[in-house]
Amino acid sequence: MLDKKTIEAIEAIIKRGNDAKVRRKGGGCVVIEMKETIKYSPSPIVAGEGQ
């Protein structure tokens, strides 16, 4: 089961707006903070505009 420290770490990550991944490691678990950065986002295609 998850202990209090693990749950607090997960809650802190979620409050920052990131995803948390929990994985088993040995006899316990490890919490990984998942950050994704958008490097480029093309402009949206508007109806009526073709290529």
PDB file of N, CA and C in Angstrom:
ATOM      1  N   MET A   1       0.834  -1.198   0.000  1.00  0.00           N
ATOM      2  CA  MET A   1       0.000   0.000   0.000  1.00  0.00           C
ATOM      3  C   MET A   1       0.867   1.246   0.000  1.00  0.00           C
ATOM      4  N   LEU A   2       0.238   2.361  -0.307  1.00  0.00           N
ATOM      5  CA  LEU A   2       0.952   3.635  -0.329  1.00  0.00           C
ATOM      6  C   LEU A   2       0.962   4.253   1.062  1.00  0.00           C
ATOM      7  N   ASP A   3       2.124   4.723   1.477  1.00  0.00           N
ATOM      8  CA  ASP A   3       2.215   5.364   2.781  1.00  0.00           C
ATOM      9  C   ASP A   3       1.926   6.863   2.652  1.00  0.00           C
ATOM     10  N   LYS A   4       1.948   7.545   3.781  1.00  0.00           N
ATOM     11  CA  LYS A   4       1.582   8.970   3.818  1.00  0.00           C
ATOM     12  C   LYS A   4       2.528   9.832   2.977  1.00  0.00           C
ATOM     13  N   LYS A   5       3.832   9.559   3.030  1.00  0.00           N
ATOM     14  CA  LYS A   5       4.802  10.337   2.256  1.00  0.00           C
ATOM     15  C   LYS A   5       4.576  10.192   0.751  1.00  0.00           C
ATOM     16  N   THR A   6       4.251   8.994   0.325  1.00  0.00           N
ATOM     17  CA  THR A   6       4.002   8.741  -1.094  1.00  0.00           C
ATOM     18  C   THR A   6       2.783   9.515  -1.569  1.00  0.00           C
ATOM     19  N   ILE A   7       1.720   9.480  -0.798  1.00  0.00           N
ATOM     20  CA  ILE A   7       0.497  10.189  -1.153  1.00  0.00           C
ATOM     21  C   ILE A   7       0.743  11.699  -1.187  1.00  0.00           C
ATOM     22  N   GLU A   8       1.516  12.208  -0.236  1.00  0.00           N
ATOM     23  CA  GLU A   8       1.838  13.638  -0.221  1.00  0.00           C
ATOM     24  C   GLU A   8       2.647  14.035  -1.457  1.00  0.00           C
ATOM     25  N   ALA A   9       3.570  13.186  -1.870  1.00  0.00           N
ATOM     26  CA  ALA A   9       4.363  13.468  -3.071  1.00  0.00           C
ATOM     27  C   ALA A   9       3.479  13.506  -4.309  1.00  0.00           C
ATOM     28  N   ILE A  10       2.556  12.557  -4.412  1.00  0.00           N
ATOM     29  CA  ILE A  10       1.633  12.515  -5.548  1.00  0.00           C
ATOM     30  C   ILE A  10       0.759  13.762  -5.563  1.00  0.00           C
ATOM     31  N   GLU A  11       0.222  14.143  -4.414  1.00  0.00           N
ATOM     32  CA  GLU A  11      -0.635  15.331  -4.335  1.00  0.00           C
ATOM     33  C   GLU A  11       0.128  16.600  -4.713  1.00  0.00           C
ATOM     34  N   ALA A  12       1.392  16.715  -4.298  1.00  0.00           N
ATOM     35  CA  ALA A  12       2.199  17.892  -4.635  1.00  0.00           C
ATOM     36  C   ALA A  12       2.421  17.983  -6.145  1.00  0.00           C
ATOM     37  N   ILE A  13       2.676  16.853  -6.780  1.00  0.00           N
ATOM     38  CA  ILE A  13       2.883  16.824  -8.233  1.00  0.00           C
ATOM     39  C   ILE A  13       1.613  17.241  -8.953  1.00  0.00           C
ATOM     40  N   ILE A  14       0.481  16.723  -8.526  1.00  0.00           N
ATOM     41  CA  ILE A  14      -0.800  17.041  -9.161  1.00  0.00           C
ATOM     42  C   ILE A  14      -1.142  18.513  -8.984  1.00  0.00           C
ATOM     43  N   LYS A  15      -0.833  19.081  -7.821  1.00  0.00           N
ATOM     44  CA  LYS A  15      -1.092  20.507  -7.588  1.00  0.00           C
ATOM     45  C   LYS A  15      -0.291  21.388  -8.534  1.00  0.00           C
ATOM     46  N   ARG A  16       0.892  20.920  -8.944  1.00  0.00           N
ATOM     47  CA  ARG A  16       1.707  21.677  -9.895  1.00  0.00           C
ATOM     48  C   ARG A  16       1.179  21.540 -11.315  1.00  0.00           C
ATOM     49  N   GLY A  17       0.199  20.676 -11.528  1.00  0.00           N
ATOM     50  CA  GLY A  17      -0.397  20.513 -12.853  1.00  0.00           C
ATOM     51  C   GLY A  17       0.258  19.439 -13.704  1.00  0.00           C
ATOM     52  N   ASN A  18       1.109  18.618 -13.103  1.00  0.00           N
ATOM     53  CA  ASN A  18       1.761  17.548 -13.846  1.00  0.00           C
ATOM     54  C   ASN A  18       1.134  16.207 -13.497  1.00  0.00           C
ATOM     55  N   ASP A  19       1.505  15.186 -14.248  1.00  0.00           N
ATOM     56  CA  ASP A  19       1.023  13.837 -13.997  1.00  0.00           C
ATOM     57  C   ASP A  19       2.025  13.098 -13.114  1.00  0.00           C
ATOM     58  N   ALA A  20       1.524  12.209 -12.287  1.00  0.00           N
ATOM     59  CA  ALA A  20       2.376  11.391 -11.433  1.00  0.00           C
ATOM     60  C   ALA A  20       2.226   9.932 -11.844  1.00  0.00           C
ATOM     61  N   LYS A  21       3.348   9.242 -11.932  1.00  0.00           N
ATOM     62  CA  LYS A  21       3.351   7.823 -12.259  1.00  0.00           C
ATOM     63  C   LYS A  21       3.941   7.082 -11.068  1.00  0.00           C
ATOM     64  N   VAL A  22       3.272   6.033 -10.618  1.00  0.00           N
ATOM     65  CA  VAL A  22       3.753   5.233  -9.492  1.00  0.00           C
ATOM     66  C   VAL A  22       4.164   3.870 -10.037  1.00  0.00           C
ATOM     67  N   ARG A  23       5.406   3.458  -9.716  1.00  0.00           N
ATOM     68  CA  ARG A  23       5.909   2.174 -10.196  1.00  0.00           C
ATOM     69  C   ARG A  23       6.463   1.377  -9.030  1.00  0.00           C
ATOM     70  N   ARG A  24       6.374   0.080  -9.143  1.00  0.00           N
ATOM     71  CA  ARG A  24       6.965  -0.796  -8.140  1.00  0.00           C
ATOM     72  C   ARG A  24       8.470  -0.844  -8.333  1.00  0.00           C
ATOM     73  N   LYS A  25       9.189  -0.832  -7.234  1.00  0.00           N
ATOM     74  CA  LYS A  25      10.644  -0.975  -7.301  1.00  0.00           C
ATOM     75  C   LYS A  25      11.095  -1.733  -6.065  1.00  0.00           C
ATOM     76  N   GLY A  26      11.628  -2.899  -6.284  1.00  0.00           N
ATOM     77  CA  GLY A  26      12.034  -3.741  -5.158  1.00  0.00           C
ATOM     78  C   GLY A  26      10.832  -4.095  -4.310  1.00  0.00           C
ATOM     79  N   GLY A  27      10.927  -3.813  -3.017  1.00  0.00           N
ATOM     80  CA  GLY A  27       9.814  -4.090  -2.118  1.00  0.00           C
ATOM     81  C   GLY A  27       8.900  -2.894  -1.919  1.00  0.00           C
ATOM     82  N   GLY A  28       9.209  -1.761  -2.558  1.00  0.00           N
ATOM     83  CA  GLY A  28       8.407  -0.551  -2.369  1.00  0.00           C
ATOM     84  C   GLY A  28       7.936   0.015  -3.697  1.00  0.00           C
ATOM     85  N   CYS A  29       7.854   1.338  -3.729  1.00  0.00           N
ATOM     86  CA  CYS A  29       7.421   1.987  -4.963  1.00  0.00           C
ATOM     87  C   CYS A  29       8.175   3.292  -5.143  1.00  0.00           C
ATOM     88  N   VAL A  30       8.139   3.805  -6.352  1.00  0.00           N
ATOM     89  CA  VAL A  30       8.779   5.070  -6.675  1.00  0.00           C
ATOM     90  C   VAL A  30       7.751   5.941  -7.390  1.00  0.00           C
ATOM     91  N   VAL A  31       7.764   7.265  -7.096  1.00  0.00           N
ATOM     92  CA  VAL A  31       6.836   8.207  -7.714  1.00  0.00           C
ATOM     93  C   VAL A  31       7.615   9.032  -8.725  1.00  0.00           C
ATOM     94  N   ILE A  32       7.126   9.081  -9.952  1.00  0.00           N
ATOM     95  CA  ILE A  32       7.781   9.803 -11.033  1.00  0.00           C
ATOM     96  C   ILE A  32       6.885  10.951 -11.476  1.00  0.00           C
ATOM     97  N   GLU A  33       7.472  12.151 -11.563  1.00  0.00           N
ATOM     98  CA  GLU A  33       6.722  13.307 -12.043  1.00  0.00           C
ATOM     99  C   GLU A  33       6.880  13.390 -13.557  1.00  0.00           C
ATOM    100  N   MET A  34       5.746  13.392 -14.259  1.00  0.00           N
ATOM    101  CA  MET A  34       5.748  13.424 -15.717  1.00  0.00           C
ATOM    102  C   MET A  34       5.490  14.847 -16.195  1.00  0.00           C
ATOM    103  N   LYS A  35       6.480  15.443 -16.849  1.00  0.00           N
ATOM    104  CA  LYS A  35       6.334  16.787 -17.405  1.00  0.00           C
ATOM    105  C   LYS A  35       6.383  16.686 -18.921  1.00  0.00           C
ATOM    106  N   GLU A  36       5.498  17.381 -19.578  1.00  0.00           N
ATOM    107  CA  GLU A  36       5.512  17.450 -21.026  1.00  0.00           C
ATOM    108  C   GLU A  36       5.544  18.908 -21.428  1.00  0.00           C
ATOM    109  N   THR A  37       6.431  19.230 -22.336  1.00  0.00           N
ATOM    110  CA  THR A  37       6.564  20.596 -22.798  1.00  0.00           C
ATOM    111  C   THR A  37       6.199  20.658 -24.275  1.00  0.00           C
ATOM    112  N   ILE A  38       5.307  21.566 -24.622  1.00  0.00           N
ATOM    113  CA  ILE A  38       4.935  21.754 -26.022  1.00  0.00           C
ATOM    114  C   ILE A  38       6.005  22.634 -26.657  1.00  0.00           C
ATOM    115  N   LYS A  39       6.696  22.111 -27.645  1.00  0.00           N
ATOM    116  CA  LYS A  39       7.745  22.853 -28.331  1.00  0.00           C
ATOM    117  C   LYS A  39       7.203  23.593 -29.548  1.00  0.00           C
ATOM    118  N   TYR A  40       6.159  23.047 -30.165  1.00  0.00           N
ATOM    119  CA  TYR A  40       5.580  23.665 -31.352  1.00  0.00           C
ATOM    120  C   TYR A  40       4.129  23.266 -31.445  1.00  0.00           C
ATOM    121  N   SER A  41       3.289  24.220 -31.756  1.00  0.00           N
ATOM    122  CA  SER A  41       1.872  23.947 -31.942  1.00  0.00           C
ATOM    123  C   SER A  41       1.414  24.681 -33.205  1.00  0.00           C
ATOM    124  N   PRO A  42       1.079  23.945 -34.261  1.00  0.00           N
ATOM    125  CA  PRO A  42       0.666  24.612 -35.499  1.00  0.00           C
ATOM    126  C   PRO A  42      -0.657  25.347 -35.313  1.00  0.00           C
ATOM    127  N   SER A  43      -0.855  26.350 -36.140  1.00  0.00           N
ATOM    128  CA  SER A  43      -2.112  27.081 -36.063  1.00  0.00           C
ATOM    129  C   SER A  43      -3.266  26.156 -36.450  1.00  0.00           C
ATOM    130  N   PRO A  44      -4.431  26.339 -35.853  1.00  0.00           N
ATOM    131  CA  PRO A  44      -5.569  25.464 -36.152  1.00  0.00           C
ATOM    132  C   PRO A  44      -6.054  25.677 -37.591  1.00  0.00           C
ATOM    133  N   ILE A  45      -6.573  24.616 -38.184  1.00  0.00           N
ATOM    134  CA  ILE A  45      -7.128  24.698 -39.535  1.00  0.00           C
ATOM    135  C   ILE A  45      -8.562  25.198 -39.420  1.00  0.00           C
ATOM    136  N   VAL A  46      -8.845  26.257 -40.127  1.00  0.00           N
ATOM    137  CA  VAL A  46     -10.165  26.876 -40.104  1.00  0.00           C
ATOM    138  C   VAL A  46     -10.980  26.360 -41.274  1.00  0.00           C
ATOM    139  N   ALA A  47     -12.271  26.118 -41.051  1.00  0.00           N
ATOM    140  CA  ALA A  47     -13.145  25.627 -42.120  1.00  0.00           C
ATOM    141  C   ALA A  47     -13.114  26.597 -43.298  1.00  0.00           C
ATOM    142  N   GLY A  48     -12.993  26.052 -44.487  1.00  0.00           N
ATOM    143  CA  GLY A  48     -12.986  26.870 -45.683  1.00  0.00           C
ATOM    144  C   GLY A  48     -11.584  27.181 -46.186  1.00  0.00           C
ATOM    145  N   GLU A  49     -10.589  26.931 -45.362  1.00  0.00           N
ATOM    146  CA  GLU A  49      -9.219  27.174 -45.797  1.00  0.00           C
ATOM    147  C   GLU A  49      -8.595  25.858 -46.220  1.00  0.00           C
ATOM    148  N   GLY A  50      -8.262  25.762 -47.488  1.00  0.00           N
ATOM    149  CA  GLY A  50      -7.657  24.548 -48.002  1.00  0.00           C
ATOM    150  C   GLY A  50      -6.180  24.748 -48.239  1.00  0.00           C
ATOM    151  N   GLN A  51      -5.541  23.672 -48.641  1.00  0.00           N
ATOM    152  CA  GLN A  51      -4.108  23.793 -48.927  1.00  0.00           C
ATOM    153  C   GLN A  51      -3.880  24.025 -50.378  1.00  0.00           C
TER     154      GLN A  51
END
